PDB file of N, CA and C in Angstrom:
ATOM      1  N   MET A   1     140.749  99.052 197.331  1.00  0.00           N
ATOM      2  CA  MET A   1     141.398 100.093 196.565  1.00  0.00           C
ATOM      3  C   MET A   1     141.560  99.349 194.850  1.00  0.00           C
ATOM      4  N   ASN A   2     141.876  98.054 195.083  1.00  0.00           N
ATOM      5  CA  ASN A   2     142.209  97.371 194.022  1.00  0.00           C
ATOM      6  C   ASN A   2     140.302  97.078 193.092  1.00  0.00           C
ATOM      7  N   SER A   3     139.548  97.109 193.877  1.00  0.00           N
ATOM      8  CA  SER A   3     138.629  96.532 193.158  1.00  0.00           C
ATOM      9  C   SER A   3     137.759  98.097 192.678  1.00  0.00           C
ATOM     10  N   LEU A   4     138.072  99.284 193.171  1.00  0.00           N
ATOM     11  CA  LEU A   4     137.707 100.467 192.267  1.00  0.00           C
ATOM     12  C   LEU A   4     138.224 100.711 190.841  1.00  0.00           C
ATOM     13  N   LEU A   5     139.596 100.376 190.742  1.00  0.00           N
ATOM     14  CA  LEU A   5     140.485 100.210 189.195  1.00  0.00           C
ATOM     15  C   LEU A   5     139.114  99.811 188.310  1.00  0.00           C
ATOM     16  N   PRO A   6     138.634  98.139 188.173  1.00  0.00           N
ATOM     17  CA  PRO A   6     138.106  97.960 187.148  1.00  0.00           C
ATOM     18  C   PRO A   6     136.787  98.967 187.339  1.00  0.00           C
ATOM     19  N   GLN A   7     136.332  99.515 187.825  1.00  0.00           N
ATOM     20  CA  GLN A   7     135.115 100.046 187.570  1.00  0.00           C
ATOM     21  C   GLN A   7     135.344 101.225 187.102  1.00  0.00           C
ATOM     22  N   ILE A   8     136.482 102.027 187.219  1.00  0.00           N
ATOM     23  CA  ILE A   8     136.684 103.147 186.837  1.00  0.00           C
ATOM     24  C   ILE A   8     137.215 103.138 185.264  1.00  0.00           C
ATOM     25  N   LEU A   9     137.857 102.199 184.490  1.00  0.00           N
ATOM     26  CA  LEU A   9     138.592 101.777 183.344  1.00  0.00           C
ATOM     27  C   LEU A   9     137.153 101.074 182.439  1.00  0.00           C
ATOM     28  N   ALA A  10     136.042 100.730 183.220  1.00  0.00           N
ATOM     29  CA  ALA A  10     135.237 100.133 182.924  1.00  0.00           C
ATOM     30  C   ALA A  10     134.055 100.992 182.304  1.00  0.00           C
ATOM     31  N   TYR A  11     134.235 101.932 182.794  1.00  0.00           N
ATOM     32  CA  TYR A  11     133.245 103.147 182.748  1.00  0.00           C
ATOM     33  C   TYR A  11     132.964 104.076 181.118  1.00  0.00           C
ATOM     34  N   THR A  12     132.027 104.329 180.620  1.00  0.00           N
ATOM     35  CA  THR A  12     131.465 104.028 179.210  1.00  0.00           C
ATOM     36  C   THR A  12     130.302 105.599 179.650  1.00  0.00           C
ATOM     37  N   PRO A  13     130.754 106.829 179.130  1.00  0.00           N
ATOM     38  CA  PRO A  13     130.184 107.971 179.233  1.00  0.00           C
ATOM     39  C   PRO A  13     128.995 108.041 178.777  1.00  0.00           C
ATOM     40  N   PHE A  14     128.727 107.225 177.710  1.00  0.00           N
ATOM     41  CA  PHE A  14     127.444 107.454 176.521  1.00  0.00           C
ATOM     42  C   PHE A  14     126.592 106.568 176.737  1.00  0.00           C
ATOM     43  N   ILE A  15     127.406 105.487 177.504  1.00  0.00           N
ATOM     44  CA  ILE A  15     126.323 104.216 177.939  1.00  0.00           C
ATOM     45  C   ILE A  15     125.923 103.956 178.994  1.00  0.00           C
ATOM     46  N   ASP A  16     126.606 104.504 180.208  1.00  0.00           N
ATOM     47  CA  ASP A  16     126.577 104.377 181.396  1.00  0.00           C
ATOM     48  C   ASP A  16     126.609 105.553 181.959  1.00  0.00           C
ATOM     49  N   PRO A  17     125.753 106.704 181.714  1.00  0.00           N
ATOM     50  CA  PRO A  17     125.775 108.521 181.981  1.00  0.00           C
ATOM     51  C   PRO A  17     125.867 108.279 183.524  1.00  0.00           C
ATOM     52  N   ILE A  18     126.234 109.734 184.318  1.00  0.00           N
ATOM     53  CA  ILE A  18     126.250 109.918 185.516  1.00  0.00           C
ATOM     54  C   ILE A  18     124.888 110.374 186.024  1.00  0.00           C
ATOM     55  N   ASN A  19     124.103 109.811 186.965  1.00  0.00           N
ATOM     56  CA  ASN A  19     123.059 109.919 187.606  1.00  0.00           C
ATOM     57  C   ASN A  19     122.875 111.313 187.850  1.00  0.00           C
ATOM     58  N   VAL A  20     122.471 112.105 187.321  1.00  0.00           N
ATOM     59  CA  VAL A  20     122.182 113.675 187.836  1.00  0.00           C
ATOM     60  C   VAL A  20     120.798 114.295 187.959  1.00  0.00           C
ATOM     61  N   HIS A  21     119.693 113.485 187.733  1.00  0.00           N
ATOM     62  CA  HIS A  21     118.250 113.840 187.581  1.00  0.00           C
ATOM     63  C   HIS A  21     118.034 114.757 188.061  1.00  0.00           C
ATOM     64  N   ARG A  22     118.465 114.387 189.425  1.00  0.00           N
ATOM     65  CA  ARG A  22     117.687 115.731 190.076  1.00  0.00           C
ATOM     66  C   ARG A  22     118.213 116.919 190.149  1.00  0.00           C
ATOM     67  N   VAL A  23     119.653 117.202 189.922  1.00  0.00           N
ATOM     68  CA  VAL A  23     120.292 118.295 190.183  1.00  0.00           C
ATOM     69  C   VAL A  23     121.127 118.851 188.438  1.00  0.00           C
ATOM     70  N   TRP A  24     120.703 118.675 187.435  1.00  0.00           N
ATOM     71  CA  TRP A  24     120.997 118.588 186.262  1.00  0.00           C
ATOM     72  C   TRP A  24     120.843 120.298 186.044  1.00  0.00           C
ATOM     73  N   PHE A  25     119.907 120.977 186.502  1.00  0.00           N
ATOM     74  CA  PHE A  25     120.135 122.795 186.045  1.00  0.00           C
ATOM     75  C   PHE A  25     121.278 122.754 186.602  1.00  0.00           C
ATOM     76  N   TRP A  26     121.916 122.593 188.041  1.00  0.00           N
ATOM     77  CA  TRP A  26     123.092 123.206 188.154  1.00  0.00           C
ATOM     78  C   TRP A  26     124.461 122.988 186.868  1.00  0.00           C
ATOM     79  N   LEU A  27     124.153 122.185 186.149  1.00  0.00           N
ATOM     80  CA  LEU A  27     124.940 121.883 185.109  1.00  0.00           C
ATOM     81  C   LEU A  27     124.924 122.761 184.099  1.00  0.00           C
ATOM     82  N   LEU A  28     124.132 124.433 184.240  1.00  0.00           N
ATOM     83  CA  LEU A  28     123.848 125.297 183.369  1.00  0.00           C
ATOM     84  C   LEU A  28     124.923 126.232 183.824  1.00  0.00           C
ATOM     85  N   ILE A  29     125.442 126.066 185.019  1.00  0.00           N
ATOM     86  CA  ILE A  29     126.799 127.123 185.370  1.00  0.00           C
ATOM     87  C   ILE A  29     128.210 126.801 184.720  1.00  0.00           C
ATOM     88  N   PRO A  30     128.477 125.560 184.953  1.00  0.00           N
ATOM     89  CA  PRO A  30     129.868 125.118 183.926  1.00  0.00           C
ATOM     90  C   PRO A  30     129.535 125.293 182.268  1.00  0.00           C
ATOM     91  N   LEU A  31     128.525 125.347 181.897  1.00  0.00           N
ATOM     92  CA  LEU A  31     128.229 125.153 180.335  1.00  0.00           C
ATOM     93  C   LEU A  31     128.484 126.584 180.114  1.00  0.00           C
ATOM     94  N   SER A  32     127.400 127.241 180.486  1.00  0.00           N
ATOM     95  CA  SER A  32     127.326 128.818 180.190  1.00  0.00           C
ATOM     96  C   SER A  32     128.744 129.501 180.918  1.00  0.00           C
ATOM     97  N   LEU A  33     129.861 129.003 181.358  1.00  0.00           N
ATOM     98  CA  LEU A  33     130.819 129.667 181.535  1.00  0.00           C
ATOM     99  C   LEU A  33     131.988 129.419 180.836  1.00  0.00           C
ATOM    100  N   GLY A  34     131.872 128.063 180.440  1.00  0.00           N
ATOM    101  CA  GLY A  34     132.508 127.636 178.983  1.00  0.00           C
ATOM    102  C   GLY A  34     132.301 128.269 177.921  1.00  0.00           C
ATOM    103  N   ILE A  35     131.267 128.411 177.546  1.00  0.00           N
ATOM    104  CA  ILE A  35     130.716 128.776 175.980  1.00  0.00           C
ATOM    105  C   ILE A  35     130.966 130.753 176.415  1.00  0.00           C
ATOM    106  N   SER A  36     130.970 131.422 177.746  1.00  0.00           N
ATOM    107  CA  SER A  36     131.414 132.742 177.822  1.00  0.00           C
ATOM    108  C   SER A  36     133.305 132.824 177.088  1.00  0.00           C
ATOM    109  N   ILE A  37     134.069 131.744 178.347  1.00  0.00           N
ATOM    110  CA  ILE A  37     135.261 131.952 178.267  1.00  0.00           C
ATOM    111  C   ILE A  37     135.744 131.873 176.716  1.00  0.00           C
ATOM    112  N   THR A  38     135.164 130.649 175.623  1.00  0.00           N
ATOM    113  CA  THR A  38     135.630 130.603 174.445  1.00  0.00           C
ATOM    114  C   THR A  38     134.958 131.466 173.289  1.00  0.00           C
ATOM    115  N   TYR A  39     133.767 132.243 173.799  1.00  0.00           N
ATOM    116  CA  TYR A  39     133.261 133.375 172.980  1.00  0.00           C
ATOM    117  C   TYR A  39     134.138 134.757 173.259  1.00  0.00           C
ATOM    118  N   LYS A  40     134.243 135.106 174.553  1.00  0.00           N
ATOM    119  CA  LYS A  40     134.985 136.062 174.668  1.00  0.00           C
ATOM    120  C   LYS A  40     136.256 136.256 174.331  1.00  0.00           C
ATOM    121  N   ALA A  41     136.810 135.111 174.480  1.00  0.00           N
ATOM    122  CA  ALA A  41     138.143 134.895 173.694  1.00  0.00           C
ATOM    123  C   ALA A  41     138.689 135.318 172.448  1.00  0.00           C
ATOM    124  N   VAL A  42     137.981 135.142 172.084  1.00  0.00           N
ATOM    125  CA  VAL A  42     137.427 135.267 170.676  1.00  0.00           C
ATOM    126  C   VAL A  42     137.424 137.140 170.354  1.00  0.00           C
ATOM    127  N   ARG A  43     136.502 137.347 171.229  1.00  0.00           N
ATOM    128  CA  ARG A  43     135.789 139.004 170.881  1.00  0.00           C
ATOM    129  C   ARG A  43     136.474 139.742 171.195  1.00  0.00           C
ATOM    130  N   VAL A  44     136.988 139.991 172.311  1.00  0.00           N
ATOM    131  CA  VAL A  44     137.346 140.951 173.614  1.00  0.00           C
ATOM    132  C   VAL A  44     138.259 141.289 172.889  1.00  0.00           C
ATOM    133  N   GLY A  45     138.543 142.699 172.682  1.00  0.00           N
ATOM    134  CA  GLY A  45     139.671 143.398 172.602  1.00  0.00           C
ATOM    135  C   GLY A  45     140.917 143.614 173.179  1.00  0.00           C
ATOM    136  N   ASP A  46     140.378 144.055 174.077  1.00  0.00           N
ATOM    137  CA  ASP A  46     141.696 144.217 175.325  1.00  0.00           C
ATOM    138  C   ASP A  46     141.914 142.982 176.559  1.00  0.00           C
ATOM    139  N   MET A  47     142.599 142.181 176.481  1.00  0.00           N
ATOM    140  CA  MET A  47     142.573 141.331 177.616  1.00  0.00           C
ATOM    141  C   MET A  47     142.253 141.552 178.958  1.00  0.00           C
ATOM    142  N   ARG A  48     142.816 142.859 179.279  1.00  0.00           N
ATOM    143  CA  ARG A  48     142.856 143.357 180.675  1.00  0.00           C
ATOM    144  C   ARG A  48     141.335 143.621 181.069  1.00  0.00           C
ATOM    145  N   HIS A  49     140.099 143.268 180.370  1.00  0.00           N
ATOM    146  CA  HIS A  49     138.655 143.128 180.802  1.00  0.00           C
ATOM    147  C   HIS A  49     137.811 142.094 180.450  1.00  0.00           C
ATOM    148  N   TYR A  50     139.389 141.191 180.284  1.00  0.00           N
ATOM    149  CA  TYR A  50     138.396 139.341 179.722  1.00  0.00           C
ATOM    150  C   TYR A  50     137.629 139.117 180.822  1.00  0.00           C
ATOM    151  N   PRO A  51     138.360 138.950 182.098  1.00  0.00           N
ATOM    152  CA  PRO A  51     137.798 138.476 183.223  1.00  0.00           C
ATOM    153  C   PRO A  51     136.313 138.641 183.454  1.00  0.00           C
ATOM    154  N   ARG A  52     136.019 140.090 183.394  1.00  0.00           N
ATOM    155  CA  ARG A  52     135.071 140.595 184.143  1.00  0.00           C
ATOM    156  C   ARG A  52     134.175 140.385 182.765  1.00  0.00           C
ATOM    157  N   GLN A  53     134.043 140.432 181.249  1.00  0.00           N
ATOM    158  CA  GLN A  53     133.263 140.006 180.625  1.00  0.00           C
ATOM    159  C   GLN A  53     132.417 138.989 180.407  1.00  0.00           C
ATOM    160  N   VAL A  54     133.631 138.106 180.837  1.00  0.00           N
ATOM    161  CA  VAL A  54     133.332 136.595 181.071  1.00  0.00           C
ATOM    162  C   VAL A  54     132.208 136.787 182.065  1.00  0.00           C
ATOM    163  N   LEU A  55     132.273 137.130 183.194  1.00  0.00           N
ATOM    164  CA  LEU A  55     131.205 136.578 184.247  1.00  0.00           C
ATOM    165  C   LEU A  55     130.355 137.822 183.598  1.00  0.00           C
ATOM    166  N   VAL A  56     130.433 138.962 183.244  1.00  0.00           N
ATOM    167  CA  VAL A  56     128.596 139.228 182.944  1.00  0.00           C
ATOM    168  C   VAL A  56     128.441 138.642 181.993  1.00  0.00           C
ATOM    169  N   MET A  57     129.239 137.892 181.234  1.00  0.00           N
ATOM    170  CA  MET A  57     128.207 136.800 179.818  1.00  0.00           C
ATOM    171  C   MET A  57     127.907 135.988 181.019  1.00  0.00           C
ATOM    172  N   THR A  58     128.707 135.225 181.534  1.00  0.00           N
ATOM    173  CA  THR A  58     127.848 133.691 182.480  1.00  0.00           C
ATOM    174  C   THR A  58     126.640 134.620 183.291  1.00  0.00           C
ATOM    175  N   VAL A  59     126.648 135.347 183.813  1.00  0.00           N
ATOM    176  CA  VAL A  59     125.441 135.779 184.607  1.00  0.00           C
ATOM    177  C   VAL A  59     124.392 136.084 183.745  1.00  0.00           C
ATOM    178  N   GLN A  60     124.346 136.496 182.571  1.00  0.00           N
ATOM    179  CA  GLN A  60     123.669 137.115 181.283  1.00  0.00           C
ATOM    180  C   GLN A  60     123.153 135.618 180.908  1.00  0.00           C
ATOM    181  N   ILE A  61     123.777 135.098 180.545  1.00  0.00           N
ATOM    182  CA  ILE A  61     123.476 133.305 180.135  1.00  0.00           C
ATOM    183  C   ILE A  61     122.267 133.199 181.210  1.00  0.00           C
ATOM    184  N   VAL A  62     122.954 132.856 181.884  1.00  0.00           N
ATOM    185  CA  VAL A  62     122.285 131.793 183.465  1.00  0.00           C
ATOM    186  C   VAL A  62     121.034 132.811 183.757  1.00  0.00           C
ATOM    187  N   ALA A  63     120.870 134.269 184.042  1.00  0.00           N
ATOM    188  CA  ALA A  63     119.719 134.851 184.134  1.00  0.00           C
ATOM    189  C   ALA A  63     118.568 134.055 183.023  1.00  0.00           C
ATOM    190  N   ALA A  64     119.314 134.810 181.531  1.00  0.00           N
ATOM    191  CA  ALA A  64     118.272 134.738 180.672  1.00  0.00           C
ATOM    192  C   ALA A  64     117.448 133.206 180.492  1.00  0.00           C
ATOM    193  N   MET A  65     118.172 131.702 180.915  1.00  0.00           N
ATOM    194  CA  MET A  65     118.115 130.697 181.060  1.00  0.00           C
ATOM    195  C   MET A  65     116.950 130.742 181.952  1.00  0.00           C
ATOM    196  N   VAL A  66     116.933 131.217 182.938  1.00  0.00           N
ATOM    197  CA  VAL A  66     115.968 131.438 184.388  1.00  0.00           C
ATOM    198  C   VAL A  66     114.587 131.739 183.973  1.00  0.00           C
ATOM    199  N   LEU A  67     115.085 132.858 183.514  1.00  0.00           N
ATOM    200  CA  LEU A  67     113.977 133.648 183.004  1.00  0.00           C
ATOM    201  C   LEU A  67     112.962 132.966 181.842  1.00  0.00           C
ATOM    202  N   LEU A  68     113.754 132.467 180.683  1.00  0.00           N
ATOM    203  CA  LEU A  68     112.846 131.998 179.870  1.00  0.00           C
ATOM    204  C   LEU A  68     112.107 130.607 180.778  1.00  0.00           C
ATOM    205  N   GLY A  69     112.933 130.017 181.585  1.00  0.00           N
ATOM    206  CA  GLY A  69     112.383 128.596 182.433  1.00  0.00           C
ATOM    207  C   GLY A  69     110.980 129.300 182.499  1.00  0.00           C
ATOM    208  N   LEU A  70     111.100 130.173 183.591  1.00  0.00           N
ATOM    209  CA  LEU A  70     109.871 130.728 184.454  1.00  0.00           C
ATOM    210  C   LEU A  70     108.794 131.451 183.592  1.00  0.00           C
ATOM    211  N   ALA A  71     109.111 132.177 182.499  1.00  0.00           N
ATOM    212  CA  ALA A  71     107.828 132.573 181.517  1.00  0.00           C
ATOM    213  C   ALA A  71     107.330 131.064 180.276  1.00  0.00           C
ATOM    214  N   SER A  72     108.277 129.913 180.550  1.00  0.00           N
ATOM    215  CA  SER A  72     108.036 128.853 179.645  1.00  0.00           C
ATOM    216  C   SER A  72     106.647 128.539 181.113  1.00  0.00           C
ATOM    217  N   TYR A  73     107.232 127.838 182.464  1.00  0.00           N
ATOM    218  CA  TYR A  73     105.862 128.080 183.349  1.00  0.00           C
ATOM    219  C   TYR A  73     104.807 128.689 183.191  1.00  0.00           C
ATOM    220  N   LEU A  74     104.810 129.625 183.440  1.00  0.00           N
ATOM    221  CA  LEU A  74     103.458 130.783 183.774  1.00  0.00           C
ATOM    222  C   LEU A  74     102.978 130.476 182.239  1.00  0.00           C
ATOM    223  N   LEU A  75     103.422 130.088 181.077  1.00  0.00           N
ATOM    224  CA  LEU A  75     102.960 129.893 179.622  1.00  0.00           C
ATOM    225  C   LEU A  75     101.874 129.214 179.971  1.00  0.00           C
ATOM    226  N   ILE A  76     102.388 127.832 180.354  1.00  0.00           N
ATOM    227  CA  ILE A  76     101.995 126.463 180.343  1.00  0.00           C
ATOM    228  C   ILE A  76     101.442 126.169 181.094  1.00  0.00           C
ATOM    229  N   GLN A  77     101.349 126.665 182.475  1.00  0.00           N
ATOM    230  CA  GLN A  77     100.893 126.498 183.663  1.00  0.00           C
ATOM    231  C   GLN A  77      99.494 127.683 183.992  1.00  0.00           C
ATOM    232  N   HIS A  78      99.778 128.466 183.588  1.00  0.00           N
ATOM    233  CA  HIS A  78      98.661 129.628 183.901  1.00  0.00           C
ATOM    234  C   HIS A  78      97.870 130.307 182.662  1.00  0.00           C
ATOM    235  N   ILE A  79      98.528 130.917 181.540  1.00  0.00           N
ATOM    236  CA  ILE A  79      98.029 131.683 180.601  1.00  0.00           C
ATOM    237  C   ILE A  79      97.350 130.190 180.185  1.00  0.00           C
ATOM    238  N   LEU A  80      97.273 129.613 179.372  1.00  0.00           N
ATOM    239  CA  LEU A  80      96.871 128.643 178.126  1.00  0.00           C
ATOM    240  C   LEU A  80      95.765 128.054 179.133  1.00  0.00           C
ATOM    241  N   PRO A  81      96.065 127.440 180.290  1.00  0.00           N
ATOM    242  CA  PRO A  81      95.022 127.065 180.704  1.00  0.00           C
ATOM    243  C   PRO A  81      93.680 127.798 180.717  1.00  0.00           C
ATOM    244  N   ARG A  82      93.790 128.988 180.442  1.00  0.00           N
ATOM    245  CA  ARG A  82      92.572 130.341 180.820  1.00  0.00           C
ATOM    246  C   ARG A  82      92.471 130.166 179.066  1.00  0.00           C
ATOM    247  N   ILE A  83      93.118 130.263 178.092  1.00  0.00           N
ATOM    248  CA  ILE A  83      93.206 130.633 176.953  1.00  0.00           C
ATOM    249  C   ILE A  83      92.220 129.153 176.255  1.00  0.00           C
ATOM    250  N   LEU A  84      92.878 128.695 176.653  1.00  0.00           N
ATOM    251  CA  LEU A  84      92.094 126.827 176.232  1.00  0.00           C
ATOM    252  C   LEU A  84      91.924 126.633 177.155  1.00  0.00           C
ATOM    253  N   PRO A  85      91.002 126.129 177.751  1.00  0.00           N
ATOM    254  CA  PRO A  85      90.322 125.684 179.624  1.00  0.00           C
ATOM    255  C   PRO A  85      89.520 123.817 178.733  1.00  0.00           C
ATOM    256  N   ALA A  86      90.326 122.999 179.633  1.00  0.00           N
ATOM    257  CA  ALA A  86      90.001 121.617 179.091  1.00  0.00           C
ATOM    258  C   ALA A  86      88.490 121.241 178.916  1.00  0.00           C
ATOM    259  N   ALA A  87      87.930 120.348 177.955  1.00  0.00           N
ATOM    260  CA  ALA A  87      86.395 120.244 178.184  1.00  0.00           C
ATOM    261  C   ALA A  87      85.993 119.543 179.465  1.00  0.00           C
TER     262      ALA A  87
END
């Protein structure tokens, strides 16, 4: 246990980031949840509807990002090669 403490104390997040290159897209969910919580805390009129509105906005953000990613993939991989074929 004592050998783990110096490693934890020496951790510098911006110099030594956590290696999440294969699962980075899962970070979209907590990011969109945080954005939804903050935005709806300011904008909602009745706090009884707050949890539902936060959940709806989180789903909307995640769905929009997935659809934008799919649209970008289709545009770059399938549509543009037909419009501008490589020589």
